[in-house]
All heavy atoms as atom14 arrays in JSON, in Angstrom:
{
  "sequence": "DGKRVSLADLIVLAGGVGVEKAAAAAGHNLVVPFHPGRMDA",
  "atom14_mask": [
    [1, 1, 1, 1, 1, 1, 1, 1, 0, 0, 0, 0, 0, 0],
    [1, 1, 1, 1, 0, 0, 0, 0, 0, 0, 0, 0, 0, 0],
    [1, 1, 1, 1, 1, 1, 1, 1, 1, 0, 0, 0, 0, 0],
    [1, 1, 1, 1, 1, 1, 1, 1, 1, 1, 1, 0, 0, 0],
    [1, 1, 1, 1, 1, 1, 1, 0, 0, 0, 0, 0, 0, 0],
    [1, 1, 1, 1, 1, 1, 0, 0, 0, 0, 0, 0, 0, 0],
    [1, 1, 1, 1, 1, 1, 1, 1, 0, 0, 0, 0, 0, 0],
    [1, 1, 1, 1, 1, 0, 0, 0, 0, 0, 0, 0, 0, 0],
    [1, 1, 1, 1, 1, 1, 1, 1, 0, 0, 0, 0, 0, 0],
    [1, 1, 1, 1, 1, 1, 1, 1, 0, 0, 0, 0, 0, 0],
    [1, 1, 1, 1, 1, 1, 1, 1, 0, 0, 0, 0, 0, 0],
    [1, 1, 1, 1, 1, 1, 1, 0, 0, 0, 0, 0, 0, 0],
    [1, 1, 1, 1, 1, 1, 1, 1, 0, 0, 0, 0, 0, 0],
    [1, 1, 1, 1, 1, 0, 0, 0, 0, 0, 0, 0, 0, 0],
    [1, 1, 1, 1, 0, 0, 0, 0, 0, 0, 0, 0, 0, 0],
    [1, 1, 1, 1, 0, 0, 0, 0, 0, 0, 0, 0, 0, 0],
    [1, 1, 1, 1, 1, 1, 1, 0, 0, 0, 0, 0, 0, 0],
    [1, 1, 1, 1, 0, 0, 0, 0, 0, 0, 0, 0, 0, 0],
    [1, 1, 1, 1, 1, 1, 1, 0, 0, 0, 0, 0, 0, 0],
    [1, 1, 1, 1, 1, 1, 1, 1, 1, 0, 0, 0, 0, 0],
    [1, 1, 1, 1, 1, 1, 1, 1, 1, 0, 0, 0, 0, 0],
    [1, 1, 1, 1, 1, 0, 0, 0, 0, 0, 0, 0, 0, 0],
    [1, 1, 1, 1, 1, 0, 0, 0, 0, 0, 0, 0, 0, 0],
    [1, 1, 1, 1, 1, 0, 0, 0, 0, 0, 0, 0, 0, 0],
    [1, 1, 1, 1, 1, 0, 0, 0, 0, 0, 0, 0, 0, 0],
    [1, 1, 1, 1, 1, 0, 0, 0, 0, 0, 0, 0, 0, 0],
    [1, 1, 1, 1, 0, 0, 0, 0, 0, 0, 0, 0, 0, 0],
    [1, 1, 1, 1, 1, 1, 1, 1, 1, 1, 0, 0, 0, 0],
    [1, 1, 1, 1, 1, 1, 1, 1, 0, 0, 0, 0, 0, 0],
    [1, 1, 1, 1, 1, 1, 1, 1, 0, 0, 0, 0, 0, 0],
    [1, 1, 1, 1, 1, 1, 1, 0, 0, 0, 0, 0, 0, 0],
    [1, 1, 1, 1, 1, 1, 1, 0, 0, 0, 0, 0, 0, 0],
    [1, 1, 1, 1, 1, 1, 1, 0, 0, 0, 0, 0, 0, 0],
    [1, 1, 1, 1, 1, 1, 1, 1, 1, 1, 1, 0, 0, 0],
    [1, 1, 1, 1, 1, 1, 1, 1, 1, 1, 0, 0, 0, 0],
    [1, 1, 1, 1, 1, 1, 1, 0, 0, 0, 0, 0, 0, 0],
    [1, 1, 1, 1, 0, 0, 0, 0, 0, 0, 0, 0, 0, 0],
    [1, 1, 1, 1, 1, 1, 1, 1, 1, 1, 1, 0, 0, 0],
    [1, 1, 1, 1, 1, 1, 1, 1, 0, 0, 0, 0, 0, 0],
    [1, 1, 1, 1, 1, 1, 1, 1, 0, 0, 0, 0, 0, 0],
    [1, 1, 1, 1, 1, 0, 0, 0, 0, 0, 0, 0, 0, 0]
  ],
  "atom14_positions": [
    [[107.0, 78.26, 106.16], [107.6, 78.48, 107.48], [107.03, 79.68, 108.2], [107.54, 80.08, 109.25], [109.12, 78.65, 107.33], [109.5, 79.76, 106.36], [108.59, 80.47, 105.87], [110.71, 79.93, 106.08], [0.0, 0.0, 0.0], [0.0, 0.0, 0.0], [0.0, 0.0, 0.0], [0.0, 0.0, 0.0], [0.0, 0.0, 0.0], [0.0, 0.0, 0.0]],
    [[105.98, 80.28, 107.64], [105.35, 81.42, 108.31], [106.0, 82.75, 108.03], [105.48, 83.79, 108.45], [0.0, 0.0, 0.0], [0.0, 0.0, 0.0], [0.0, 0.0, 0.0], [0.0, 0.0, 0.0], [0.0, 0.0, 0.0], [0.0, 0.0, 0.0], [0.0, 0.0, 0.0], [0.0, 0.0, 0.0], [0.0, 0.0, 0.0], [0.0, 0.0, 0.0]],
    [[107.13, 82.75, 107.34], [107.78, 84.02, 107.05], [106.95, 84.83, 106.06], [106.37, 84.28, 105.13], [109.19, 83.81, 106.5], [110.18, 83.35, 107.55], [111.6, 83.31, 107.01], [112.58, 82.92, 108.11], [113.99, 82.89, 107.63], [0.0, 0.0, 0.0], [0.0, 0.0, 0.0], [0.0, 0.0, 0.0], [0.0, 0.0, 0.0], [0.0, 0.0, 0.0]],
    [[106.91, 86.12, 106.27], [106.15, 87.02, 105.42], [106.99, 88.26, 105.14], [107.9, 88.62, 105.89], [104.84, 87.46, 106.1], [103.89, 86.32, 106.44], [103.23, 85.79, 105.17], [102.24, 84.76, 105.47], [102.51, 83.47, 105.55], [103.76, 83.05, 105.39], [101.54, 82.6, 105.8], [0.0, 0.0, 0.0], [0.0, 0.0, 0.0], [0.0, 0.0, 0.0]],
    [[106.67, 88.93, 104.04], [107.26, 90.23, 103.76], [106.11, 91.23, 103.65], [105.11, 90.98, 102.96], [108.11, 90.23, 102.48], [107.28, 89.9, 101.24], [108.83, 91.57, 102.31], [0.0, 0.0, 0.0], [0.0, 0.0, 0.0], [0.0, 0.0, 0.0], [0.0, 0.0, 0.0], [0.0, 0.0, 0.0], [0.0, 0.0, 0.0], [0.0, 0.0, 0.0]],
    [[106.21, 92.3, 104.37], [105.2, 93.35, 104.28], [105.45, 94.19, 103.04], [106.58, 94.22, 102.5], [105.25, 94.25, 105.51], [106.48, 94.96, 105.56], [0.0, 0.0, 0.0], [0.0, 0.0, 0.0], [0.0, 0.0, 0.0], [0.0, 0.0, 0.0], [0.0, 0.0, 0.0], [0.0, 0.0, 0.0], [0.0, 0.0, 0.0], [0.0, 0.0, 0.0]],
    [[104.43, 94.85, 102.56], [104.62, 95.75, 101.42], [105.53, 96.91, 101.83], [106.32, 97.4, 101.02], [103.28, 96.27, 100.91], [103.36, 97.05, 99.59], [103.86, 96.15, 98.46], [102.0, 97.63, 99.22], [0.0, 0.0, 0.0], [0.0, 0.0, 0.0], [0.0, 0.0, 0.0], [0.0, 0.0, 0.0], [0.0, 0.0, 0.0], [0.0, 0.0, 0.0]],
    [[105.43, 97.34, 103.08], [106.29, 98.42, 103.56], [107.75, 98.04, 103.42], [108.59, 98.83, 102.96], [105.96, 98.75, 105.02], [0.0, 0.0, 0.0], [0.0, 0.0, 0.0], [0.0, 0.0, 0.0], [0.0, 0.0, 0.0], [0.0, 0.0, 0.0], [0.0, 0.0, 0.0], [0.0, 0.0, 0.0], [0.0, 0.0, 0.0], [0.0, 0.0, 0.0]],
    [[108.1, 96.81, 103.83], [109.48, 96.35, 103.68], [109.85, 96.19, 102.22], [110.96, 96.53, 101.8], [109.65, 95.0, 104.4], [110.11, 95.15, 105.84], [110.55, 96.25, 106.21], [110.02, 94.16, 106.59], [0.0, 0.0, 0.0], [0.0, 0.0, 0.0], [0.0, 0.0, 0.0], [0.0, 0.0, 0.0], [0.0, 0.0, 0.0], [0.0, 0.0, 0.0]],
    [[108.93, 95.67, 101.43], [109.24, 95.41, 100.02], [109.48, 96.7, 99.25], [110.35, 96.76, 98.37], [108.1, 94.62, 99.38], [108.4, 93.98, 98.01], [109.6, 93.04, 98.09], [107.18, 93.24, 97.49], [0.0, 0.0, 0.0], [0.0, 0.0, 0.0], [0.0, 0.0, 0.0], [0.0, 0.0, 0.0], [0.0, 0.0, 0.0], [0.0, 0.0, 0.0]],
    [[108.74, 97.75, 99.58], [108.95, 99.04, 98.92], [110.36, 99.56, 99.2], [111.07, 100.03, 98.29], [107.89, 100.06, 99.39], [106.52, 99.7, 98.82], [108.28, 101.48, 98.99], [105.37, 100.51, 99.41], [0.0, 0.0, 0.0], [0.0, 0.0, 0.0], [0.0, 0.0, 0.0], [0.0, 0.0, 0.0], [0.0, 0.0, 0.0], [0.0, 0.0, 0.0]],
    [[110.79, 99.47, 100.46], [112.13, 99.95, 100.82], [113.2, 99.06, 100.2], [114.21, 99.56, 99.68], [112.27, 100.0, 102.35], [113.71, 100.31, 102.75], [111.33, 101.05, 102.94], [0.0, 0.0, 0.0], [0.0, 0.0, 0.0], [0.0, 0.0, 0.0], [0.0, 0.0, 0.0], [0.0, 0.0, 0.0], [0.0, 0.0, 0.0], [0.0, 0.0, 0.0]],
    [[112.99, 97.75, 100.24], [113.95, 96.84, 99.63], [114.07, 97.12, 98.14], [115.18, 97.12, 97.58], [113.52, 95.39, 99.86], [114.44, 94.31, 99.29], [115.82, 94.38, 99.91], [113.83, 92.92, 99.49], [0.0, 0.0, 0.0], [0.0, 0.0, 0.0], [0.0, 0.0, 0.0], [0.0, 0.0, 0.0], [0.0, 0.0, 0.0], [0.0, 0.0, 0.0]],
    [[112.94, 97.38, 97.49], [112.95, 97.68, 96.05], [113.75, 98.94, 95.76], [114.5, 99.01, 94.78], [111.53, 97.83, 95.54], [0.0, 0.0, 0.0], [0.0, 0.0, 0.0], [0.0, 0.0, 0.0], [0.0, 0.0, 0.0], [0.0, 0.0, 0.0], [0.0, 0.0, 0.0], [0.0, 0.0, 0.0], [0.0, 0.0, 0.0], [0.0, 0.0, 0.0]],
    [[113.61, 99.95, 96.61], [114.4, 101.16, 96.41], [115.88, 100.89, 96.52], [116.69, 101.42, 95.73], [0.0, 0.0, 0.0], [0.0, 0.0, 0.0], [0.0, 0.0, 0.0], [0.0, 0.0, 0.0], [0.0, 0.0, 0.0], [0.0, 0.0, 0.0], [0.0, 0.0, 0.0], [0.0, 0.0, 0.0], [0.0, 0.0, 0.0], [0.0, 0.0, 0.0]],
    [[116.27, 100.05, 97.49], [117.68, 99.68, 97.62], [118.18, 98.92, 96.41], [119.32, 99.12, 95.96], [0.0, 0.0, 0.0], [0.0, 0.0, 0.0], [0.0, 0.0, 0.0], [0.0, 0.0, 0.0], [0.0, 0.0, 0.0], [0.0, 0.0, 0.0], [0.0, 0.0, 0.0], [0.0, 0.0, 0.0], [0.0, 0.0, 0.0], [0.0, 0.0, 0.0]],
    [[117.34, 98.05, 95.85], [117.7, 97.33, 94.63], [117.93, 98.32, 93.49], [118.88, 98.18, 92.7], [116.61, 96.31, 94.27], [116.82, 95.77, 92.85], [116.61, 95.16, 95.27], [0.0, 0.0, 0.0], [0.0, 0.0, 0.0], [0.0, 0.0, 0.0], [0.0, 0.0, 0.0], [0.0, 0.0, 0.0], [0.0, 0.0, 0.0], [0.0, 0.0, 0.0]],
    [[117.06, 99.32, 93.39], [117.23, 100.33, 92.35], [118.55, 101.06, 92.48], [119.25, 101.3, 91.48], [0.0, 0.0, 0.0], [0.0, 0.0, 0.0], [0.0, 0.0, 0.0], [0.0, 0.0, 0.0], [0.0, 0.0, 0.0], [0.0, 0.0, 0.0], [0.0, 0.0, 0.0], [0.0, 0.0, 0.0], [0.0, 0.0, 0.0], [0.0, 0.0, 0.0]],
    [[118.93, 101.41, 93.71], [120.2, 102.1, 93.93], [121.36, 101.19, 93.55], [122.34, 101.61, 92.9], [120.31, 102.56, 95.4], [121.71, 103.1, 95.7], [119.26, 103.62, 95.71], [0.0, 0.0, 0.0], [0.0, 0.0, 0.0], [0.0, 0.0, 0.0], [0.0, 0.0, 0.0], [0.0, 0.0, 0.0], [0.0, 0.0, 0.0], [0.0, 0.0, 0.0]],
    [[121.29, 99.91, 93.94], [122.37, 98.96, 93.62], [122.49, 98.75, 92.12], [123.61, 98.67, 91.58], [122.11, 97.64, 94.34], [122.25, 97.72, 95.85], [121.88, 96.43, 96.56], [121.41, 95.49, 95.88], [122.04, 96.37, 97.79], [0.0, 0.0, 0.0], [0.0, 0.0, 0.0], [0.0, 0.0, 0.0], [0.0, 0.0, 0.0], [0.0, 0.0, 0.0]],
    [[121.35, 98.65, 91.44], [121.38, 98.49, 89.98], [122.03, 99.7, 89.32], [122.82, 99.56, 88.37], [119.95, 98.32, 89.45], [119.33, 96.95, 89.68], [117.94, 96.86, 89.05], [117.98, 96.98, 87.55], [116.63, 96.78, 86.94], [0.0, 0.0, 0.0], [0.0, 0.0, 0.0], [0.0, 0.0, 0.0], [0.0, 0.0, 0.0], [0.0, 0.0, 0.0]],
    [[121.69, 100.88, 89.81], [122.25, 102.1, 89.22], [123.74, 102.2, 89.47], [124.5, 102.65, 88.59], [121.53, 103.32, 89.81], [0.0, 0.0, 0.0], [0.0, 0.0, 0.0], [0.0, 0.0, 0.0], [0.0, 0.0, 0.0], [0.0, 0.0, 0.0], [0.0, 0.0, 0.0], [0.0, 0.0, 0.0], [0.0, 0.0, 0.0], [0.0, 0.0, 0.0]],
    [[124.18, 101.75, 90.64], [125.61, 101.76, 90.92], [126.34, 100.76, 90.03], [127.42, 101.05, 89.49], [125.85, 101.44, 92.4], [0.0, 0.0, 0.0], [0.0, 0.0, 0.0], [0.0, 0.0, 0.0], [0.0, 0.0, 0.0], [0.0, 0.0, 0.0], [0.0, 0.0, 0.0], [0.0, 0.0, 0.0], [0.0, 0.0, 0.0], [0.0, 0.0, 0.0]],
    [[125.75, 99.58, 89.86], [126.37, 98.56, 89.01], [126.47, 99.05, 87.56], [127.47, 98.79, 86.88], [125.57, 97.27, 89.09], [0.0, 0.0, 0.0], [0.0, 0.0, 0.0], [0.0, 0.0, 0.0], [0.0, 0.0, 0.0], [0.0, 0.0, 0.0], [0.0, 0.0, 0.0], [0.0, 0.0, 0.0], [0.0, 0.0, 0.0], [0.0, 0.0, 0.0]],
    [[125.43, 99.75, 87.1], [125.45, 100.27, 85.73], [126.57, 101.28, 85.53], [127.06, 101.46, 84.41], [124.1, 100.9, 85.4], [0.0, 0.0, 0.0], [0.0, 0.0, 0.0], [0.0, 0.0, 0.0], [0.0, 0.0, 0.0], [0.0, 0.0, 0.0], [0.0, 0.0, 0.0], [0.0, 0.0, 0.0], [0.0, 0.0, 0.0], [0.0, 0.0, 0.0]],
    [[126.98, 101.93, 86.63], [128.07, 102.9, 86.55], [129.42, 102.25, 86.84], [130.44, 102.95, 86.9], [127.82, 104.04, 87.54], [0.0, 0.0, 0.0], [0.0, 0.0, 0.0], [0.0, 0.0, 0.0], [0.0, 0.0, 0.0], [0.0, 0.0, 0.0], [0.0, 0.0, 0.0], [0.0, 0.0, 0.0], [0.0, 0.0, 0.0], [0.0, 0.0, 0.0]],
    [[129.41, 100.92, 87.04], [130.66, 100.21, 87.24], [131.1, 100.06, 88.67], [132.28, 99.82, 88.94], [0.0, 0.0, 0.0], [0.0, 0.0, 0.0], [0.0, 0.0, 0.0], [0.0, 0.0, 0.0], [0.0, 0.0, 0.0], [0.0, 0.0, 0.0], [0.0, 0.0, 0.0], [0.0, 0.0, 0.0], [0.0, 0.0, 0.0], [0.0, 0.0, 0.0]],
    [[130.15, 100.18, 89.6], [130.51, 100.1, 91.02], [129.71, 99.01, 91.71], [128.53, 98.77, 91.4], [130.22, 101.43, 91.72], [130.94, 102.59, 91.1], [132.27, 102.85, 91.3], [130.48, 103.57, 90.26], [132.62, 103.94, 90.63], [131.55, 104.4, 89.98], [0.0, 0.0, 0.0], [0.0, 0.0, 0.0], [0.0, 0.0, 0.0], [0.0, 0.0, 0.0]],
    [[130.34, 98.35, 92.66], [129.67, 97.34, 93.47], [129.22, 98.01, 94.77], [130.05, 98.38, 95.6], [130.6, 96.17, 93.76], [129.91, 95.09, 94.58], [128.7, 94.94, 94.5], [130.68, 94.35, 95.36], [0.0, 0.0, 0.0], [0.0, 0.0, 0.0], [0.0, 0.0, 0.0], [0.0, 0.0, 0.0], [0.0, 0.0, 0.0], [0.0, 0.0, 0.0]],
    [[127.94, 98.17, 94.94], [127.4, 98.85, 96.11], [126.31, 97.98, 96.73], [125.42, 97.49, 96.03], [126.81, 100.21, 95.71], [126.21, 101.06, 96.82], [127.31, 101.53, 97.78], [125.47, 102.27, 96.24], [0.0, 0.0, 0.0], [0.0, 0.0, 0.0], [0.0, 0.0, 0.0], [0.0, 0.0, 0.0], [0.0, 0.0, 0.0], [0.0, 0.0, 0.0]],
    [[126.4, 97.79, 98.03], [125.38, 97.04, 98.77], [124.67, 98.02, 99.7], [125.31, 98.66, 100.55], [125.98, 95.88, 99.57], [124.89, 95.17, 100.38], [126.67, 94.89, 98.64], [0.0, 0.0, 0.0], [0.0, 0.0, 0.0], [0.0, 0.0, 0.0], [0.0, 0.0, 0.0], [0.0, 0.0, 0.0], [0.0, 0.0, 0.0], [0.0, 0.0, 0.0]],
    [[123.36, 98.12, 99.53], [122.56, 99.02, 100.37], [121.99, 98.22, 101.53], [121.22, 97.27, 101.31], [121.41, 99.66, 99.55], [120.55, 100.54, 100.44], [121.97, 100.45, 98.38], [0.0, 0.0, 0.0], [0.0, 0.0, 0.0], [0.0, 0.0, 0.0], [0.0, 0.0, 0.0], [0.0, 0.0, 0.0], [0.0, 0.0, 0.0], [0.0, 0.0, 0.0]],
    [[122.35, 98.53, 102.76], [121.84, 97.77, 103.9], [120.31, 97.81, 103.98], [119.69, 98.82, 103.65], [122.47, 98.49, 105.1], [123.69, 99.16, 104.55], [123.32, 99.56, 103.16], [0.0, 0.0, 0.0], [0.0, 0.0, 0.0], [0.0, 0.0, 0.0], [0.0, 0.0, 0.0], [0.0, 0.0, 0.0], [0.0, 0.0, 0.0], [0.0, 0.0, 0.0]],
    [[119.74, 96.69, 104.41], [118.28, 96.59, 104.55], [117.96, 95.83, 105.82], [118.57, 94.8, 106.12], [117.68, 95.86, 103.35], [116.23, 95.51, 103.53], [115.24, 96.49, 103.4], [115.84, 94.21, 103.85], [113.9, 96.17, 103.59], [114.5, 93.89, 104.03], [113.54, 94.86, 103.9], [0.0, 0.0, 0.0], [0.0, 0.0, 0.0], [0.0, 0.0, 0.0]],
    [[116.99, 96.36, 106.57], [116.58, 95.74, 107.82], [115.06, 95.56, 107.83], [114.33, 96.56, 107.88], [117.01, 96.59, 109.02], [118.48, 96.88, 109.04], [119.0, 98.09, 108.6], [119.53, 96.12, 109.4], [120.31, 98.07, 108.72], [120.67, 96.89, 109.21], [0.0, 0.0, 0.0], [0.0, 0.0, 0.0], [0.0, 0.0, 0.0], [0.0, 0.0, 0.0]],
    [[114.57, 94.34, 107.75], [113.12, 94.12, 107.74], [112.51, 94.4, 109.11], [113.23, 94.55, 110.1], [113.01, 92.63, 107.38], [114.27, 92.02, 107.91], [115.34, 93.07, 107.72], [0.0, 0.0, 0.0], [0.0, 0.0, 0.0], [0.0, 0.0, 0.0], [0.0, 0.0, 0.0], [0.0, 0.0, 0.0], [0.0, 0.0, 0.0], [0.0, 0.0, 0.0]],
    [[111.2, 94.46, 109.13], [110.5, 94.67, 110.41], [109.37, 95.66, 110.32], [108.69, 95.93, 111.32], [0.0, 0.0, 0.0], [0.0, 0.0, 0.0], [0.0, 0.0, 0.0], [0.0, 0.0, 0.0], [0.0, 0.0, 0.0], [0.0, 0.0, 0.0], [0.0, 0.0, 0.0], [0.0, 0.0, 0.0], [0.0, 0.0, 0.0], [0.0, 0.0, 0.0]],
    [[109.15, 96.23, 109.15], [108.03, 97.15, 108.96], [106.73, 96.35, 108.78], [106.75, 95.19, 108.36], [108.26, 98.04, 107.74], [109.51, 98.9, 107.82], [109.84, 99.52, 106.48], [111.1, 100.26, 106.52], [112.3, 99.69, 106.38], [112.39, 98.39, 106.17], [113.4, 100.42, 106.44], [0.0, 0.0, 0.0], [0.0, 0.0, 0.0], [0.0, 0.0, 0.0]],
    [[105.62, 96.98, 109.09], [104.32, 96.35, 108.89], [103.42, 97.28, 108.08], [103.73, 98.46, 107.89], [103.68, 96.01, 110.24], [104.38, 94.89, 110.98], [104.19, 93.28, 110.17], [102.48, 92.93, 110.55], [0.0, 0.0, 0.0], [0.0, 0.0, 0.0], [0.0, 0.0, 0.0], [0.0, 0.0, 0.0], [0.0, 0.0, 0.0], [0.0, 0.0, 0.0]],
    [[102.3, 96.72, 107.62], [101.37, 97.48, 106.78], [100.16, 97.92, 107.58], [99.48, 97.08, 108.21], [100.91, 96.62, 105.59], [102.06, 96.2, 104.7], [103.07, 96.93, 104.66], [101.94, 95.14, 104.05], [0.0, 0.0, 0.0], [0.0, 0.0, 0.0], [0.0, 0.0, 0.0], [0.0, 0.0, 0.0], [0.0, 0.0, 0.0], [0.0, 0.0, 0.0]],
    [[99.9, 99.21, 107.59], [98.71, 99.74, 108.26], [97.49, 99.55, 107.36], [97.6, 99.5, 106.13], [98.9, 101.21, 108.59], [0.0, 0.0, 0.0], [0.0, 0.0, 0.0], [0.0, 0.0, 0.0], [0.0, 0.0, 0.0], [0.0, 0.0, 0.0], [0.0, 0.0, 0.0], [0.0, 0.0, 0.0], [0.0, 0.0, 0.0], [0.0, 0.0, 0.0]]
  ]
}
């Protein structure tokens, strides 16, 4: 469908996943907002 993910977006999304995983490991449900739209230079 032409959709793509930039590495810039993926790096930020990955960081949010890391934060959510760490919160879950401590017994908390945390959702880190993410907004795509970055591009790679």
